[in-house]
Structures are given as structure tokens and as C-alpha cells.
Amino acid sequence: MHETSVAQRMVDTAIEVADQNGGARVVAMRLLLGEMTCVEPDTLSFAFGVVSRGTRVEGCTLDIVHVPTRLRCRTCGAERGGDMLEACACGTPGGEVLAGRELRLLTIDIDEEVALPAGDQG
């Protein structure tokens, strides 16, 4: 299940970004997820919840934006959605992939670390 390694990398990246920006906790992330990545969104969400436990990313909102496959025919130039195995209307199989391979964090939202005055237990 490669969703677990993807989720772990997302958590590691979010912590690195939070560290670089003085953030205490990651509150939200948005991920572009292409149809051709073979990453299952529900499995990824579950794995993300598991690997983020006990970190500053735990409880973070994960918004997964689905990106459908989009192809351009190499013969006639027509653009279409669908499967690489399906032929274009002109009969040419496959095509140039325009979209659907994305696996990219778009945003990582962090809370700013709030320093409490000395002696304040908050």
C-alpha cells in the first residue's frame, strides 16, 4: 500500500514547512491527486490520519482535489478525458497526457506559534 508512504511524506513535508515558518501546528492541507497516480483517496486519508498521530499535523484537515485524466491525440490534436487504452474518435490509441498525473501539495496552512507570558499556564 503506497498510500502510507505518500501520507508519511506529506506529514514530513508539512512539519518541515511549519518549522521553516515558525508554525506550531498544521491545521489544513490541500493535495492535487491525479487519477493516473493509482493513489486511492480514501486509503490515503486513512493512512494520513494514522501517520500524523502524535505529530503537529494530527487533526489537520486534508482536502484532496481529484484531477481527472485528460489526453491530447497525437494525430488529430483532439483533447479528451478517459482511459489511455481507449482510442480517440479518429482511431489513434493513447495520446499525450495533459492532466491526471498530479500528486502535489498545493497548500499547507499553519497556526502561528503563540508565546505565553512567563508564568502563564494558558
N, C-alpha and C. Protein backbone atom coordinates (compact mmCIF):
# COMPACT_ATOMS: atom_id res chain seq x y z
N MET A 1 0.86 -1.18 0.00
CA MET A 1 0.00 0.00 0.00
C MET A 1 0.90 1.24 0.00
N HIS A 2 1.07 1.86 -1.17
CA HIS A 2 1.94 3.03 -1.24
C HIS A 2 1.29 4.29 -0.69
N GLU A 3 0.00 4.25 -0.38
CA GLU A 3 -0.65 5.40 0.23
C GLU A 3 -0.01 5.77 1.57
N THR A 4 0.47 4.78 2.31
CA THR A 4 1.10 5.06 3.59
C THR A 4 2.40 5.84 3.40
N SER A 5 3.20 5.48 2.42
CA SER A 5 4.45 6.23 2.19
C SER A 5 4.15 7.62 1.66
N VAL A 6 3.12 7.78 0.85
CA VAL A 6 2.71 9.10 0.38
C VAL A 6 2.25 9.95 1.57
N ALA A 7 1.44 9.37 2.43
CA ALA A 7 0.94 10.09 3.61
C ALA A 7 2.10 10.49 4.53
N GLN A 8 3.07 9.60 4.73
CA GLN A 8 4.22 9.91 5.58
C GLN A 8 5.02 11.07 5.00
N ARG A 9 5.21 11.07 3.70
CA ARG A 9 5.96 12.17 3.06
C ARG A 9 5.19 13.49 3.20
N MET A 10 3.87 13.43 3.11
CA MET A 10 3.06 14.63 3.29
C MET A 10 3.23 15.19 4.70
N VAL A 11 3.20 14.32 5.71
CA VAL A 11 3.37 14.75 7.10
C VAL A 11 4.76 15.33 7.30
N ASP A 12 5.78 14.65 6.77
CA ASP A 12 7.15 15.14 6.90
C ASP A 12 7.31 16.52 6.26
N THR A 13 6.73 16.69 5.09
CA THR A 13 6.81 17.97 4.38
C THR A 13 6.09 19.06 5.16
N ALA A 14 4.92 18.75 5.69
CA ALA A 14 4.16 19.73 6.46
C ALA A 14 4.93 20.17 7.70
N ILE A 15 5.58 19.25 8.38
CA ILE A 15 6.37 19.60 9.57
C ILE A 15 7.55 20.46 9.18
N GLU A 16 8.22 20.14 8.07
CA GLU A 16 9.34 20.96 7.59
C GLU A 16 8.88 22.38 7.29
N VAL A 17 7.74 22.52 6.62
CA VAL A 17 7.21 23.85 6.28
C VAL A 17 6.84 24.61 7.56
N ALA A 18 6.22 23.92 8.49
CA ALA A 18 5.86 24.57 9.76
C ALA A 18 7.12 25.05 10.49
N ASP A 19 8.15 24.21 10.52
CA ASP A 19 9.41 24.60 11.16
C ASP A 19 10.03 25.82 10.49
N GLN A 20 10.01 25.85 9.18
CA GLN A 20 10.61 26.96 8.44
C GLN A 20 9.84 28.27 8.61
N ASN A 21 8.57 28.16 8.98
CA ASN A 21 7.73 29.36 9.09
C ASN A 21 7.28 29.67 10.51
N GLY A 22 7.94 29.08 11.49
CA GLY A 22 7.63 29.38 12.89
C GLY A 22 6.27 28.91 13.34
N GLY A 23 5.70 27.98 12.62
CA GLY A 23 4.37 27.49 12.96
C GLY A 23 4.40 26.42 14.02
N ALA A 24 3.37 26.41 14.81
CA ALA A 24 3.28 25.42 15.87
C ALA A 24 2.55 24.16 15.40
N ARG A 25 1.49 24.35 14.65
CA ARG A 25 0.64 23.22 14.30
C ARG A 25 0.12 23.40 12.88
N VAL A 26 0.06 22.30 12.14
CA VAL A 26 -0.51 22.32 10.79
C VAL A 26 -2.01 22.11 10.93
N VAL A 27 -2.79 23.02 10.36
CA VAL A 27 -4.24 22.96 10.53
C VAL A 27 -4.98 22.50 9.27
N ALA A 28 -4.39 22.70 8.09
CA ALA A 28 -5.06 22.28 6.86
C ALA A 28 -4.03 22.07 5.75
N MET A 29 -4.35 21.12 4.88
CA MET A 29 -3.53 20.86 3.70
C MET A 29 -4.45 20.58 2.53
N ARG A 30 -4.00 20.99 1.34
CA ARG A 30 -4.75 20.70 0.12
C ARG A 30 -3.81 19.98 -0.84
N LEU A 31 -4.29 18.86 -1.37
CA LEU A 31 -3.49 17.99 -2.23
C LEU A 31 -4.17 17.83 -3.59
N LEU A 32 -3.41 18.02 -4.67
CA LEU A 32 -3.89 17.68 -6.01
C LEU A 32 -3.57 16.20 -6.23
N LEU A 33 -4.57 15.42 -6.58
CA LEU A 33 -4.39 13.97 -6.75
C LEU A 33 -4.94 13.55 -8.11
N GLY A 34 -4.02 13.24 -9.02
CA GLY A 34 -4.39 12.83 -10.36
C GLY A 34 -4.90 11.40 -10.40
N GLU A 35 -5.85 11.21 -11.29
CA GLU A 35 -6.48 9.90 -11.48
C GLU A 35 -5.46 8.82 -11.86
N MET A 36 -4.42 9.19 -12.57
CA MET A 36 -3.45 8.20 -13.06
C MET A 36 -2.40 7.81 -12.02
N THR A 37 -2.43 8.41 -10.84
CA THR A 37 -1.43 8.09 -9.82
C THR A 37 -1.68 6.73 -9.17
N CYS A 38 -2.87 6.23 -9.30
CA CYS A 38 -3.27 4.97 -8.66
C CYS A 38 -3.24 5.08 -7.14
N VAL A 39 -3.34 6.30 -6.61
CA VAL A 39 -3.46 6.51 -5.17
C VAL A 39 -4.94 6.62 -4.86
N GLU A 40 -5.43 5.78 -3.97
CA GLU A 40 -6.85 5.73 -3.61
C GLU A 40 -7.12 6.78 -2.53
N PRO A 41 -7.97 7.77 -2.82
CA PRO A 41 -8.17 8.88 -1.88
C PRO A 41 -8.61 8.45 -0.47
N ASP A 42 -9.54 7.51 -0.35
CA ASP A 42 -9.99 7.10 0.98
C ASP A 42 -8.88 6.40 1.77
N THR A 43 -8.11 5.58 1.07
CA THR A 43 -6.99 4.90 1.72
C THR A 43 -5.92 5.90 2.14
N LEU A 44 -5.67 6.90 1.27
CA LEU A 44 -4.70 7.94 1.61
C LEU A 44 -5.16 8.74 2.82
N SER A 45 -6.43 9.10 2.88
CA SER A 45 -6.96 9.85 4.02
C SER A 45 -6.80 9.05 5.31
N PHE A 46 -7.10 7.76 5.25
CA PHE A 46 -6.96 6.90 6.42
C PHE A 46 -5.49 6.84 6.86
N ALA A 47 -4.60 6.59 5.89
CA ALA A 47 -3.17 6.50 6.20
C ALA A 47 -2.64 7.82 6.76
N PHE A 48 -3.13 8.93 6.23
CA PHE A 48 -2.72 10.25 6.71
C PHE A 48 -3.10 10.42 8.18
N GLY A 49 -4.30 10.00 8.54
CA GLY A 49 -4.73 10.07 9.93
C GLY A 49 -3.86 9.24 10.85
N VAL A 50 -3.46 8.07 10.37
CA VAL A 50 -2.62 7.17 11.18
C VAL A 50 -1.21 7.73 11.34
N VAL A 51 -0.56 8.11 10.25
CA VAL A 51 0.84 8.54 10.35
C VAL A 51 0.99 9.93 10.99
N SER A 52 -0.08 10.70 11.03
CA SER A 52 0.01 12.04 11.64
C SER A 52 -0.22 12.01 13.15
N ARG A 53 -0.66 10.87 13.70
CA ARG A 53 -0.91 10.78 15.15
C ARG A 53 0.35 11.12 15.93
N GLY A 54 0.14 11.95 16.95
CA GLY A 54 1.25 12.31 17.82
C GLY A 54 2.18 13.37 17.24
N THR A 55 1.82 13.94 16.09
CA THR A 55 2.63 14.99 15.48
C THR A 55 1.84 16.30 15.48
N ARG A 56 2.50 17.36 15.05
CA ARG A 56 1.81 18.66 14.93
C ARG A 56 0.82 18.68 13.77
N VAL A 57 0.76 17.60 13.03
CA VAL A 57 -0.16 17.51 11.89
C VAL A 57 -1.45 16.78 12.29
N GLU A 58 -1.45 16.13 13.44
CA GLU A 58 -2.63 15.39 13.89
C GLU A 58 -3.85 16.31 13.94
N GLY A 59 -4.96 15.85 13.38
CA GLY A 59 -6.20 16.62 13.37
C GLY A 59 -6.31 17.60 12.22
N CYS A 60 -5.28 17.67 11.40
CA CYS A 60 -5.25 18.57 10.25
C CYS A 60 -6.36 18.19 9.27
N THR A 61 -6.97 19.19 8.67
CA THR A 61 -7.96 18.97 7.62
C THR A 61 -7.21 18.68 6.32
N LEU A 62 -7.53 17.56 5.68
CA LEU A 62 -6.91 17.19 4.42
C LEU A 62 -7.95 17.29 3.31
N ASP A 63 -7.74 18.22 2.40
CA ASP A 63 -8.63 18.42 1.26
C ASP A 63 -7.96 17.82 0.03
N ILE A 64 -8.55 16.77 -0.51
CA ILE A 64 -7.99 16.11 -1.69
C ILE A 64 -8.78 16.55 -2.92
N VAL A 65 -8.08 17.19 -3.86
CA VAL A 65 -8.69 17.68 -5.09
C VAL A 65 -8.40 16.66 -6.19
N HIS A 66 -9.44 16.01 -6.68
CA HIS A 66 -9.33 14.99 -7.72
C HIS A 66 -9.07 15.65 -9.08
N VAL A 67 -8.05 15.17 -9.79
CA VAL A 67 -7.74 15.68 -11.13
C VAL A 67 -7.96 14.54 -12.13
N PRO A 68 -8.99 14.66 -12.97
CA PRO A 68 -9.26 13.59 -13.93
C PRO A 68 -8.20 13.55 -15.05
N THR A 69 -8.09 12.41 -15.68
CA THR A 69 -7.17 12.24 -16.80
C THR A 69 -7.66 13.05 -18.00
N ARG A 70 -6.73 13.76 -18.63
CA ARG A 70 -7.04 14.49 -19.85
C ARG A 70 -5.93 14.21 -20.85
N LEU A 71 -6.30 13.84 -22.07
CA LEU A 71 -5.35 13.43 -23.09
C LEU A 71 -5.51 14.28 -24.34
N ARG A 72 -4.41 14.39 -25.12
CA ARG A 72 -4.45 15.04 -26.44
C ARG A 72 -3.99 14.02 -27.46
N CYS A 73 -4.80 13.84 -28.50
CA CYS A 73 -4.47 12.89 -29.57
C CYS A 73 -3.23 13.38 -30.32
N ARG A 74 -2.31 12.47 -30.54
CA ARG A 74 -1.07 12.82 -31.25
C ARG A 74 -1.30 12.94 -32.76
N THR A 75 -2.42 12.45 -33.24
CA THR A 75 -2.70 12.51 -34.67
C THR A 75 -3.54 13.73 -35.03
N CYS A 76 -4.70 13.87 -34.37
CA CYS A 76 -5.62 14.94 -34.75
C CYS A 76 -5.63 16.12 -33.78
N GLY A 77 -5.00 15.95 -32.61
CA GLY A 77 -4.91 17.05 -31.65
C GLY A 77 -6.14 17.22 -30.77
N ALA A 78 -7.12 16.37 -30.92
CA ALA A 78 -8.34 16.48 -30.10
C ALA A 78 -8.01 16.17 -28.65
N GLU A 79 -8.62 16.92 -27.74
CA GLU A 79 -8.46 16.66 -26.31
C GLU A 79 -9.67 15.89 -25.81
N ARG A 80 -9.40 14.97 -24.88
CA ARG A 80 -10.48 14.16 -24.33
C ARG A 80 -10.10 13.65 -22.96
N GLY A 81 -11.10 13.28 -22.21
CA GLY A 81 -10.89 12.59 -20.95
C GLY A 81 -10.89 11.11 -21.23
N GLY A 82 -10.69 10.34 -20.19
CA GLY A 82 -10.82 8.91 -20.37
C GLY A 82 -9.54 8.14 -20.16
N ASP A 83 -9.56 6.94 -20.66
CA ASP A 83 -8.54 5.94 -20.44
C ASP A 83 -7.49 5.99 -21.54
N MET A 84 -6.23 5.75 -21.17
CA MET A 84 -5.14 5.70 -22.15
C MET A 84 -5.34 4.57 -23.16
N LEU A 85 -6.07 3.54 -22.78
CA LEU A 85 -6.26 2.39 -23.66
C LEU A 85 -7.35 2.63 -24.70
N GLU A 86 -8.18 3.65 -24.46
CA GLU A 86 -9.23 3.96 -25.42
C GLU A 86 -8.66 4.75 -26.59
N ALA A 87 -9.17 4.47 -27.76
CA ALA A 87 -8.73 5.21 -28.95
C ALA A 87 -9.50 6.52 -29.05
N CYS A 88 -8.88 7.49 -29.67
CA CYS A 88 -9.51 8.77 -29.99
C CYS A 88 -10.61 8.51 -31.02
N ALA A 89 -11.46 9.48 -31.24
CA ALA A 89 -12.51 9.37 -32.25
C ALA A 89 -11.90 9.14 -33.64
N CYS A 90 -10.66 9.60 -33.86
CA CYS A 90 -10.01 9.40 -35.16
C CYS A 90 -9.40 8.01 -35.28
N GLY A 91 -9.42 7.24 -34.18
CA GLY A 91 -8.92 5.86 -34.21
C GLY A 91 -7.52 5.69 -33.64
N THR A 92 -6.84 6.78 -33.29
CA THR A 92 -5.48 6.68 -32.74
C THR A 92 -5.55 6.31 -31.27
N PRO A 93 -4.85 5.25 -30.88
CA PRO A 93 -4.85 4.87 -29.45
C PRO A 93 -3.97 5.79 -28.62
N GLY A 94 -4.27 5.86 -27.33
CA GLY A 94 -3.45 6.61 -26.38
C GLY A 94 -3.50 8.10 -26.63
N GLY A 95 -2.41 8.76 -26.33
CA GLY A 95 -2.31 10.20 -26.51
C GLY A 95 -1.35 10.81 -25.51
N GLU A 96 -1.11 12.09 -25.68
CA GLU A 96 -0.25 12.84 -24.76
C GLU A 96 -1.04 13.15 -23.50
N VAL A 97 -0.48 12.87 -22.34
CA VAL A 97 -1.16 13.12 -21.07
C VAL A 97 -1.03 14.60 -20.73
N LEU A 98 -2.16 15.28 -20.60
CA LEU A 98 -2.19 16.70 -20.22
C LEU A 98 -2.45 16.87 -18.74
N ALA A 99 -3.20 15.96 -18.15
CA ALA A 99 -3.54 16.04 -16.72
C ALA A 99 -3.87 14.64 -16.22
N GLY A 100 -3.69 14.47 -14.91
CA GLY A 100 -4.03 13.19 -14.30
C GLY A 100 -2.88 12.53 -13.57
N ARG A 101 -1.69 13.08 -13.72
CA ARG A 101 -0.52 12.51 -13.04
C ARG A 101 -0.15 13.28 -11.77
N GLU A 102 -0.91 14.29 -11.43
CA GLU A 102 -0.58 15.16 -10.31
C GLU A 102 -0.60 14.42 -8.97
N LEU A 103 0.38 14.73 -8.16
CA LEU A 103 0.43 14.31 -6.76
C LEU A 103 1.25 15.40 -6.08
N ARG A 104 0.55 16.49 -5.73
CA ARG A 104 1.26 17.70 -5.30
C ARG A 104 0.49 18.40 -4.19
N LEU A 105 1.23 18.77 -3.14
CA LEU A 105 0.63 19.59 -2.09
C LEU A 105 0.50 21.01 -2.62
N LEU A 106 -0.71 21.53 -2.61
CA LEU A 106 -0.95 22.90 -3.07
C LEU A 106 -0.74 23.89 -1.94
N THR A 107 -1.32 23.58 -0.78
CA THR A 107 -1.22 24.49 0.36
C THR A 107 -1.00 23.71 1.65
N ILE A 108 -0.30 24.38 2.56
CA ILE A 108 -0.12 23.88 3.92
C ILE A 108 -0.39 25.08 4.83
N ASP A 109 -1.46 25.01 5.60
CA ASP A 109 -1.82 26.10 6.50
C ASP A 109 -1.37 25.76 7.91
N ILE A 110 -0.68 26.72 8.53
CA ILE A 110 -0.17 26.50 9.88
C ILE A 110 -0.68 27.58 10.82
N ASP A 111 -0.79 27.20 12.10
CA ASP A 111 -1.07 28.18 13.15
C ASP A 111 0.24 28.85 13.49
N GLU A 112 0.17 30.13 13.80
CA GLU A 112 1.37 30.79 14.28
C GLU A 112 1.57 30.39 15.72
N GLU A 113 2.82 30.15 16.08
CA GLU A 113 3.13 29.78 17.46
C GLU A 113 2.89 30.99 18.35
N VAL A 114 2.10 30.77 19.39
CA VAL A 114 1.78 31.87 20.31
C VAL A 114 2.60 31.66 21.58
N ALA A 115 3.45 32.62 21.90
CA ALA A 115 4.27 32.54 23.12
C ALA A 115 3.45 33.08 24.28
N LEU A 116 3.32 32.29 25.34
CA LEU A 116 2.59 32.74 26.54
C LEU A 116 3.54 33.53 27.42
N PRO A 117 3.02 34.55 28.11
CA PRO A 117 3.85 35.30 29.04
C PRO A 117 4.40 34.36 30.13
N ALA A 118 5.56 34.70 30.67
CA ALA A 118 6.19 33.88 31.72
C ALA A 118 5.20 33.66 32.87
N GLY A 119 5.11 32.42 33.31
CA GLY A 119 4.22 32.08 34.42
C GLY A 119 2.78 31.83 34.00
N ASP A 120 2.42 32.10 32.74
CA ASP A 120 1.05 31.88 32.27
C ASP A 120 0.91 30.42 31.83
N GLN A 121 0.00 29.70 32.46
CA GLN A 121 -0.22 28.30 32.12
C GLN A 121 -1.22 28.14 30.98
N GLY A 122 -1.81 29.23 30.52
CA GLY A 122 -2.70 29.23 29.36
C GLY A 122 -4.00 28.66 29.66
